[in-house]
PDB file of N, CA and C in Angstrom:
ATOM      1  N   MET A   1      45.963 177.872 130.700  1.00  0.00           N
ATOM      2  CA  MET A   1      47.261 178.267 131.330  1.00  0.00           C
ATOM      3  C   MET A   1      48.113 176.874 131.631  1.00  0.00           C
ATOM      4  N   PRO A   2      49.062 177.169 130.906  1.00  0.00           N
ATOM      5  CA  PRO A   2      50.172 175.954 131.058  1.00  0.00           C
ATOM      6  C   PRO A   2      50.397 175.528 132.526  1.00  0.00           C
ATOM      7  N   TYR A   3      50.596 174.266 132.916  1.00  0.00           N
ATOM      8  CA  TYR A   3      51.058 173.735 134.171  1.00  0.00           C
ATOM      9  C   TYR A   3      52.404 174.220 134.608  1.00  0.00           C
ATOM     10  N   GLU A   4      52.787 175.095 135.394  1.00  0.00           N
ATOM     11  CA  GLU A   4      54.000 175.416 135.859  1.00  0.00           C
ATOM     12  C   GLU A   4      54.492 174.398 136.891  1.00  0.00           C
ATOM     13  N   LYS A   5      55.776 173.947 136.631  1.00  0.00           N
ATOM     14  CA  LYS A   5      56.215 173.079 137.805  1.00  0.00           C
ATOM     15  C   LYS A   5      57.003 173.749 138.634  1.00  0.00           C
ATOM     16  N   ASN A   6      56.537 173.592 139.910  1.00  0.00           N
ATOM     17  CA  ASN A   6      57.351 174.395 141.107  1.00  0.00           C
ATOM     18  C   ASN A   6      58.301 173.024 141.690  1.00  0.00           C
ATOM     19  N   GLU A   7      59.413 173.643 142.537  1.00  0.00           N
ATOM     20  CA  GLU A   7      60.467 172.828 143.308  1.00  0.00           C
ATOM     21  C   GLU A   7      59.354 171.695 144.204  1.00  0.00           C
ATOM     22  N   ASP A   8      58.600 172.558 144.777  1.00  0.00           N
ATOM     23  CA  ASP A   8      58.093 171.388 146.353  1.00  0.00           C
ATOM     24  C   ASP A   8      56.676 170.930 145.429  1.00  0.00           C
ATOM     25  N   ASP A   9      56.743 170.836 144.305  1.00  0.00           N
ATOM     26  CA  ASP A   9      55.488 169.956 143.327  1.00  0.00           C
ATOM     27  C   ASP A   9      55.579 168.721 143.512  1.00  0.00           C
ATOM     28  N   ASP A  10      54.831 168.106 144.126  1.00  0.00           N
ATOM     29  CA  ASP A  10      54.767 166.592 144.233  1.00  0.00           C
ATOM     30  C   ASP A  10      54.369 165.675 142.998  1.00  0.00           C
ATOM     31  N   ARG A  11      53.462 166.351 142.060  1.00  0.00           N
ATOM     32  CA  ARG A  11      52.921 165.813 140.776  1.00  0.00           C
ATOM     33  C   ARG A  11      54.051 164.958 140.152  1.00  0.00           C
ATOM     34  N   LYS A  12      53.761 163.670 139.310  1.00  0.00           N
ATOM     35  CA  LYS A  12      54.799 163.034 138.745  1.00  0.00           C
ATOM     36  C   LYS A  12      54.361 163.260 137.053  1.00  0.00           C
ATOM     37  N   GLY A  13      54.719 162.789 136.160  1.00  0.00           N
ATOM     38  CA  GLY A  13      54.287 162.778 134.624  1.00  0.00           C
ATOM     39  C   GLY A  13      53.937 161.288 134.480  1.00  0.00           C
ATOM     40  N   GLY A  14      53.165 161.253 133.558  1.00  0.00           N
ATOM     41  CA  GLY A  14      53.118 159.680 133.201  1.00  0.00           C
ATOM     42  C   GLY A  14      51.781 159.324 133.837  1.00  0.00           C
ATOM     43  N   ARG A  15      51.858 157.644 134.233  1.00  0.00           N
ATOM     44  CA  ARG A  15      50.775 157.053 135.007  1.00  0.00           C
ATOM     45  C   ARG A  15      50.887 157.224 136.524  1.00  0.00           C
ATOM     46  N   GLY A  16      52.078 157.379 136.896  1.00  0.00           N
ATOM     47  CA  GLY A  16      52.115 157.763 138.347  1.00  0.00           C
ATOM     48  C   GLY A  16      52.382 156.376 138.829  1.00  0.00           C
ATOM     49  N   GLY A  17      52.887 155.887 139.959  1.00  0.00           N
ATOM     50  CA  GLY A  17      53.314 154.792 140.918  1.00  0.00           C
ATOM     51  C   GLY A  17      53.966 153.801 140.094  1.00  0.00           C
ATOM     52  N   ASN A  18      53.879 152.815 140.063  1.00  0.00           N
ATOM     53  CA  ASN A  18      54.876 151.579 139.714  1.00  0.00           C
ATOM     54  C   ASN A  18      53.981 151.165 138.244  1.00  0.00           C
ATOM     55  N   ALA A  19      52.931 151.901 137.665  1.00  0.00           N
ATOM     56  CA  ALA A  19      52.147 151.093 136.632  1.00  0.00           C
ATOM     57  C   ALA A  19      53.234 150.668 135.399  1.00  0.00           C
ATOM     58  N   GLY A  20      54.447 151.584 134.966  1.00  0.00           N
ATOM     59  CA  GLY A  20      55.141 150.741 133.859  1.00  0.00           C
ATOM     60  C   GLY A  20      56.490 150.211 134.408  1.00  0.00           C
ATOM     61  N   ALA A  21      56.545 150.012 135.728  1.00  0.00           N
ATOM     62  CA  ALA A  21      57.809 149.660 136.271  1.00  0.00           C
ATOM     63  C   ALA A  21      57.933 147.881 135.343  1.00  0.00           C
ATOM     64  N   PHE A  22      59.251 147.689 135.269  1.00  0.00           N
ATOM     65  CA  PHE A  22      59.836 146.540 134.911  1.00  0.00           C
ATOM     66  C   PHE A  22      60.181 145.447 135.460  1.00  0.00           C
ATOM     67  N   ARG A  23      59.267 144.698 135.733  1.00  0.00           N
ATOM     68  CA  ARG A  23      59.360 143.339 136.273  1.00  0.00           C
ATOM     69  C   ARG A  23      60.353 142.281 136.117  1.00  0.00           C
ATOM     70  N   GLY A  24      60.427 141.815 135.164  1.00  0.00           N
ATOM     71  CA  GLY A  24      61.363 141.021 134.305  1.00  0.00           C
ATOM     72  C   GLY A  24      60.788 140.189 134.136  1.00  0.00           C
ATOM     73  N   ARG A  25      61.126 138.814 133.138  1.00  0.00           N
ATOM     74  CA  ARG A  25      60.284 137.504 132.762  1.00  0.00           C
ATOM     75  C   ARG A  25      60.339 136.744 133.896  1.00  0.00           C
ATOM     76  N   LYS A  26      58.771 136.456 133.632  1.00  0.00           N
ATOM     77  CA  LYS A  26      58.710 135.036 134.965  1.00  0.00           C
ATOM     78  C   LYS A  26      59.206 133.884 134.168  1.00  0.00           C
ATOM     79  N   GLY A  27      60.059 132.786 134.973  1.00  0.00           N
ATOM     80  CA  GLY A  27      60.759 131.978 134.251  1.00  0.00           C
ATOM     81  C   GLY A  27      59.233 131.014 133.805  1.00  0.00           C
ATOM     82  N   CYS A  28      59.818 129.525 133.253  1.00  0.00           N
ATOM     83  CA  CYS A  28      58.757 128.493 133.008  1.00  0.00           C
ATOM     84  C   CYS A  28      59.087 127.678 133.990  1.00  0.00           C
ATOM     85  N   ARG A  29      57.865 127.148 134.725  1.00  0.00           N
ATOM     86  CA  ARG A  29      58.071 126.200 135.597  1.00  0.00           C
ATOM     87  C   ARG A  29      58.575 124.724 135.275  1.00  0.00           C
ATOM     88  N   PHE A  30      58.120 124.440 133.595  1.00  0.00           N
ATOM     89  CA  PHE A  30      58.376 123.321 133.021  1.00  0.00           C
ATOM     90  C   PHE A  30      59.846 123.210 132.614  1.00  0.00           C
ATOM     91  N   CYS A  31      60.110 124.384 132.058  1.00  0.00           N
ATOM     92  CA  CYS A  31      61.529 124.344 131.786  1.00  0.00           C
ATOM     93  C   CYS A  31      62.821 124.302 133.212  1.00  0.00           C
ATOM     94  N   ALA A  32      62.310 125.086 134.098  1.00  0.00           N
ATOM     95  CA  ALA A  32      63.401 125.180 135.220  1.00  0.00           C
ATOM     96  C   ALA A  32      63.521 123.851 136.074  1.00  0.00           C
ATOM     97  N   ASP A  33      62.292 122.969 136.280  1.00  0.00           N
ATOM     98  CA  ASP A  33      62.589 121.905 136.778  1.00  0.00           C
ATOM     99  C   ASP A  33      61.964 120.771 135.743  1.00  0.00           C
ATOM    100  N   THR A  34      63.119 120.187 135.432  1.00  0.00           N
ATOM    101  CA  THR A  34      62.388 119.085 134.534  1.00  0.00           C
ATOM    102  C   THR A  34      61.764 117.830 134.758  1.00  0.00           C
ATOM    103  N   ASP A  35      61.651 117.833 136.203  1.00  0.00           N
ATOM    104  CA  ASP A  35      60.932 116.723 136.602  1.00  0.00           C
ATOM    105  C   ASP A  35      59.592 116.523 136.843  1.00  0.00           C
ATOM    106  N   VAL A  36      59.188 118.334 136.883  1.00  0.00           N
ATOM    107  CA  VAL A  36      57.362 118.860 136.640  1.00  0.00           C
ATOM    108  C   VAL A  36      57.161 118.668 135.013  1.00  0.00           C
ATOM    109  N   VAL A  37      56.196 117.598 134.866  1.00  0.00           N
ATOM    110  CA  VAL A  37      55.874 117.459 133.349  1.00  0.00           C
ATOM    111  C   VAL A  37      53.891 117.742 133.429  1.00  0.00           C
ATOM    112  N   ALA A  38      53.916 118.155 132.394  1.00  0.00           N
ATOM    113  CA  ALA A  38      52.064 118.913 131.944  1.00  0.00           C
ATOM    114  C   ALA A  38      51.832 117.559 131.525  1.00  0.00           C
ATOM    115  N   ASP A  39      51.089 116.513 132.580  1.00  0.00           N
ATOM    116  CA  ASP A  39      50.662 115.299 132.287  1.00  0.00           C
ATOM    117  C   ASP A  39      48.915 115.437 132.794  1.00  0.00           C
ATOM    118  N   TYR A  40      48.107 115.056 131.947  1.00  0.00           N
ATOM    119  CA  TYR A  40      46.783 115.017 132.182  1.00  0.00           C
ATOM    120  C   TYR A  40      46.412 114.110 133.359  1.00  0.00           C
ATOM    121  N   LYS A  41      47.156 113.133 133.910  1.00  0.00           N
ATOM    122  CA  LYS A  41      46.560 112.441 135.029  1.00  0.00           C
ATOM    123  C   LYS A  41      46.875 113.314 136.058  1.00  0.00           C
ATOM    124  N   ASP A  42      47.233 114.359 136.153  1.00  0.00           N
ATOM    125  CA  ASP A  42      47.387 115.289 137.416  1.00  0.00           C
ATOM    126  C   ASP A  42      46.786 116.621 137.672  1.00  0.00           C
ATOM    127  N   PRO A  43      45.332 116.489 138.132  1.00  0.00           N
ATOM    128  CA  PRO A  43      44.722 117.317 138.021  1.00  0.00           C
ATOM    129  C   PRO A  43      44.878 118.813 139.335  1.00  0.00           C
ATOM    130  N   THR A  44      45.563 118.228 140.302  1.00  0.00           N
ATOM    131  CA  THR A  44      46.254 119.459 140.983  1.00  0.00           C
ATOM    132  C   THR A  44      47.031 120.258 140.478  1.00  0.00           C
ATOM    133  N   LEU A  45      48.059 119.959 139.426  1.00  0.00           N
ATOM    134  CA  LEU A  45      48.783 120.787 138.541  1.00  0.00           C
ATOM    135  C   LEU A  45      48.300 121.646 137.573  1.00  0.00           C
ATOM    136  N   LEU A  46      47.302 121.055 137.011  1.00  0.00           N
ATOM    137  CA  LEU A  46      46.461 121.729 136.061  1.00  0.00           C
ATOM    138  C   LEU A  46      45.486 122.548 136.393  1.00  0.00           C
ATOM    139  N   LYS A  47      45.081 122.250 137.224  1.00  0.00           N
ATOM    140  CA  LYS A  47      44.182 123.463 138.606  1.00  0.00           C
ATOM    141  C   LYS A  47      44.775 124.559 138.974  1.00  0.00           C
ATOM    142  N   ASN A  48      46.098 124.435 138.670  1.00  0.00           N
ATOM    143  CA  ASN A  48      47.153 125.913 139.090  1.00  0.00           C
ATOM    144  C   ASN A  48      47.237 126.793 137.717  1.00  0.00           C
ATOM    145  N   TYR A  49      46.535 126.211 136.531  1.00  0.00           N
ATOM    146  CA  TYR A  49      46.411 126.992 135.071  1.00  0.00           C
ATOM    147  C   TYR A  49      45.243 127.073 134.720  1.00  0.00           C
ATOM    148  N   LEU A  50      44.240 126.770 135.432  1.00  0.00           N
ATOM    149  CA  LEU A  50      43.182 127.257 135.069  1.00  0.00           C
ATOM    150  C   LEU A  50      42.510 128.522 135.989  1.00  0.00           C
ATOM    151  N   THR A  51      41.605 129.457 135.485  1.00  0.00           N
ATOM    152  CA  THR A  51      40.721 130.223 136.203  1.00  0.00           C
ATOM    153  C   THR A  51      39.890 129.773 136.905  1.00  0.00           C
ATOM    154  N   ASP A  52      39.250 130.665 137.795  1.00  0.00           N
ATOM    155  CA  ASP A  52      38.014 130.228 138.564  1.00  0.00           C
ATOM    156  C   ASP A  52      36.690 129.646 137.305  1.00  0.00           C
ATOM    157  N   ARG A  53      36.849 130.145 136.157  1.00  0.00           N
ATOM    158  CA  ARG A  53      35.749 130.209 135.493  1.00  0.00           C
ATOM    159  C   ARG A  53      35.815 128.721 134.187  1.00  0.00           C
ATOM    160  N   GLY A  54      36.963 128.113 134.945  1.00  0.00           N
ATOM    161  CA  GLY A  54      37.290 127.028 133.966  1.00  0.00           C
ATOM    162  C   GLY A  54      38.405 127.096 132.642  1.00  0.00           C
ATOM    163  N   LYS A  55      39.028 128.104 132.460  1.00  0.00           N
ATOM    164  CA  LYS A  55      39.817 128.649 131.701  1.00  0.00           C
ATOM    165  C   LYS A  55      41.209 128.433 131.605  1.00  0.00           C
ATOM    166  N   LEU A  56      41.880 128.517 130.525  1.00  0.00           N
ATOM    167  CA  LEU A  56      43.256 128.130 130.726  1.00  0.00           C
ATOM    168  C   LEU A  56      43.943 129.531 130.634  1.00  0.00           C
ATOM    169  N   THR A  57      44.755 129.726 131.711  1.00  0.00           N
ATOM    170  CA  THR A  57      45.367 131.086 132.063  1.00  0.00           C
ATOM    171  C   THR A  57      46.401 131.294 130.992  1.00  0.00           C
ATOM    172  N   PRO A  58      46.655 132.548 130.450  1.00  0.00           N
ATOM    173  CA  PRO A  58      47.575 132.967 129.311  1.00  0.00           C
ATOM    174  C   PRO A  58      48.863 132.738 129.798  1.00  0.00           C
ATOM    175  N   ALA A  59      49.796 132.344 128.810  1.00  0.00           N
ATOM    176  CA  ALA A  59      51.260 132.139 129.097  1.00  0.00           C
ATOM    177  C   ALA A  59      52.202 133.683 129.366  1.00  0.00           C
ATOM    178  N   ARG A  60      51.423 134.758 129.224  1.00  0.00           N
ATOM    179  CA  ARG A  60      51.899 135.737 129.326  1.00  0.00           C
ATOM    180  C   ARG A  60      51.768 136.155 131.252  1.00  0.00           C
ATOM    181  N   VAL A  61      50.732 135.621 131.572  1.00  0.00           N
ATOM    182  CA  VAL A  61      50.237 135.911 132.837  1.00  0.00           C
ATOM    183  C   VAL A  61      51.300 134.864 133.846  1.00  0.00           C
ATOM    184  N   THR A  62      51.000 133.487 133.699  1.00  0.00           N
ATOM    185  CA  THR A  62      52.015 132.042 133.789  1.00  0.00           C
ATOM    186  C   THR A  62      53.397 132.221 133.990  1.00  0.00           C
ATOM    187  N   GLY A  63      53.641 132.845 133.067  1.00  0.00           N
ATOM    188  CA  GLY A  63      55.341 132.727 132.249  1.00  0.00           C
ATOM    189  C   GLY A  63      55.630 131.361 131.868  1.00  0.00           C
ATOM    190  N   THR A  64      54.785 130.815 131.399  1.00  0.00           N
ATOM    191  CA  THR A  64      55.046 129.439 130.479  1.00  0.00           C
ATOM    192  C   THR A  64      55.384 129.670 129.121  1.00  0.00           C
ATOM    193  N   CYS A  65      56.628 128.907 128.676  1.00  0.00           N
ATOM    194  CA  CYS A  65      57.274 129.234 127.663  1.00  0.00           C
ATOM    195  C   CYS A  65      56.089 128.440 126.317  1.00  0.00           C
ATOM    196  N   ALA A  66      55.899 129.181 125.095  1.00  0.00           N
ATOM    197  CA  ALA A  66      55.375 128.270 123.960  1.00  0.00           C
ATOM    198  C   ALA A  66      55.300 126.979 123.794  1.00  0.00           C
ATOM    199  N   LYS A  67      56.318 126.143 123.986  1.00  0.00           N
ATOM    200  CA  LYS A  67      56.094 125.092 123.668  1.00  0.00           C
ATOM    201  C   LYS A  67      55.505 124.595 124.820  1.00  0.00           C
ATOM    202  N   HIS A  68      55.616 124.938 126.066  1.00  0.00           N
ATOM    203  CA  HIS A  68      55.026 124.011 127.331  1.00  0.00           C
ATOM    204  C   HIS A  68      53.498 124.334 127.399  1.00  0.00           C
ATOM    205  N   GLN A  69      53.545 125.671 127.222  1.00  0.00           N
ATOM    206  CA  GLN A  69      51.786 126.066 126.932  1.00  0.00           C
ATOM    207  C   GLN A  69      51.186 125.403 125.958  1.00  0.00           C
ATOM    208  N   ARG A  70      51.730 124.966 124.870  1.00  0.00           N
ATOM    209  CA  ARG A  70      50.786 123.834 123.850  1.00  0.00           C
ATOM    210  C   ARG A  70      50.762 122.640 124.489  1.00  0.00           C
ATOM    211  N   ALA A  71      51.414 122.299 125.631  1.00  0.00           N
ATOM    212  CA  ALA A  71      51.437 120.897 126.072  1.00  0.00           C
ATOM    213  C   ALA A  71      50.508 121.225 127.036  1.00  0.00           C
ATOM    214  N   LEU A  72      50.800 122.127 127.846  1.00  0.00           N
ATOM    215  CA  LEU A  72      49.718 122.368 128.591  1.00  0.00           C
ATOM    216  C   LEU A  72      48.203 122.342 128.214  1.00  0.00           C
ATOM    217  N   ALA A  73      47.755 123.181 127.601  1.00  0.00           N
ATOM    218  CA  ALA A  73      46.655 123.240 126.914  1.00  0.00           C
ATOM    219  C   ALA A  73      45.987 121.723 126.360  1.00  0.00           C
ATOM    220  N   THR A  74      47.050 120.779 125.502  1.00  0.00           N
ATOM    221  CA  THR A  74      46.585 119.388 125.049  1.00  0.00           C
ATOM    222  C   THR A  74      46.680 118.854 126.270  1.00  0.00           C
ATOM    223  N   ALA A  75      47.250 118.787 127.528  1.00  0.00           N
ATOM    224  CA  ALA A  75      47.074 118.074 128.789  1.00  0.00           C
ATOM    225  C   ALA A  75      45.411 118.452 129.432  1.00  0.00           C
ATOM    226  N   VAL A  76      45.114 119.840 129.313  1.00  0.00           N
ATOM    227  CA  VAL A  76      43.915 120.127 129.737  1.00  0.00           C
ATOM    228  C   VAL A  76      42.791 119.568 128.983  1.00  0.00           C
ATOM    229  N   ARG A  77      42.811 119.582 127.729  1.00  0.00           N
ATOM    230  CA  ARG A  77      41.873 119.247 127.148  1.00  0.00           C
ATOM    231  C   ARG A  77      41.586 117.805 127.166  1.00  0.00           C
ATOM    232  N   ARG A  78      42.666 116.834 127.268  1.00  0.00           N
ATOM    233  CA  ARG A  78      42.826 115.239 127.297  1.00  0.00           C
ATOM    234  C   ARG A  78      42.291 115.227 129.062  1.00  0.00           C
ATOM    235  N   ALA A  79      42.339 115.793 130.046  1.00  0.00           N
ATOM    236  CA  ALA A  79      41.306 115.845 131.039  1.00  0.00           C
ATOM    237  C   ALA A  79      40.078 116.024 131.437  1.00  0.00           C
ATOM    238  N   ARG A  80      39.877 117.097 130.586  1.00  0.00           N
ATOM    239  CA  ARG A  80      38.510 117.318 130.482  1.00  0.00           C
ATOM    240  C   ARG A  80      37.711 116.315 129.793  1.00  0.00           C
ATOM    241  N   MET A  81      38.089 115.614 128.612  1.00  0.00           N
ATOM    242  CA  MET A  81      37.463 114.780 128.061  1.00  0.00           C
ATOM    243  C   MET A  81      37.185 113.461 129.127  1.00  0.00           C
ATOM    244  N   ILE A  82      38.268 113.451 129.766  1.00  0.00           N
ATOM    245  CA  ILE A  82      37.851 111.959 130.742  1.00  0.00           C
ATOM    246  C   ILE A  82      37.649 112.546 132.481  1.00  0.00           C
ATOM    247  N   ALA A  83      36.650 113.571 132.353  1.00  0.00           N
ATOM    248  CA  ALA A  83      36.409 114.327 133.462  1.00  0.00           C
ATOM    249  C   ALA A  83      37.176 114.473 134.855  1.00  0.00           C
ATOM    250  N   LEU A  84      38.630 114.587 134.710  1.00  0.00           N
ATOM    251  CA  LEU A  84      39.303 115.077 135.581  1.00  0.00           C
ATOM    252  C   LEU A  84      39.295 116.500 135.923  1.00  0.00           C
ATOM    253  N   VAL A  85      39.068 117.102 134.906  1.00  0.00           N
ATOM    254  CA  VAL A  85      38.869 118.609 135.050  1.00  0.00           C
ATOM    255  C   VAL A  85      37.866 119.314 134.327  1.00  0.00           C
ATOM    256  N   PRO A  86      36.833 120.205 135.077  1.00  0.00           N
ATOM    257  CA  PRO A  86      35.658 120.359 134.336  1.00  0.00           C
ATOM    258  C   PRO A  86      35.941 121.177 133.323  1.00  0.00           C
ATOM    259  N   PHE A  87      34.988 121.452 132.494  1.00  0.00           N
ATOM    260  CA  PHE A  87      35.035 122.028 130.913  1.00  0.00           C
ATOM    261  C   PHE A  87      34.438 123.666 131.745  1.00  0.00           C
ATOM    262  N   THR A  88      33.279 124.084 132.813  1.00  0.00           N
ATOM    263  CA  THR A  88      32.718 125.245 133.288  1.00  0.00           C
ATOM    264  C   THR A  88      32.342 125.068 134.423  1.00  0.00           C
ATOM    265  N   VAL A  89      32.625 125.752 135.222  1.00  0.00           N
ATOM    266  CA  VAL A  89      31.569 125.667 136.386  1.00  0.00           C
ATOM    267  C   VAL A  89      30.472 126.163 136.874  1.00  0.00           C
ATOM    268  N   THR A  90      29.662 125.078 137.704  1.00  0.00           N
ATOM    269  CA  THR A  90      28.343 125.144 137.323  1.00  0.00           C
ATOM    270  C   THR A  90      27.934 126.380 138.265  1.00  0.00           C
ATOM    271  N   GLY A  91      26.848 127.176 137.358  1.00  0.00           N
ATOM    272  CA  GLY A  91      25.883 128.280 137.806  1.00  0.00           C
ATOM    273  C   GLY A  91      25.589 128.029 139.407  1.00  0.00           C
ATOM    274  N   LYS A  92      25.357 129.539 139.547  1.00  0.00           N
ATOM    275  CA  LYS A  92      24.219 129.360 140.830  1.00  0.00           C
ATOM    276  C   LYS A  92      23.039 129.219 140.605  1.00  0.00           C
TER     277      LYS A  92
END
């Protein structure tokens, strides 16, 4: 039997909630503030873009543009080579 909609029915179509809500684009931090540079000698800045496992956070999550995401990846690689940022987190 198909579902019949009543006036006092609370059910919504789709996924419900704000699952499909448009939040807008996150701005690139490096484009917005030209004083901030993705530099391998600044591990505190680089750690903001790494996960707890040591992986680089994707640009779709951080909002970093493609140009600066590439520069950030290069800076992380260089920082790893001189042991400022770890390759992985030691296990338990």
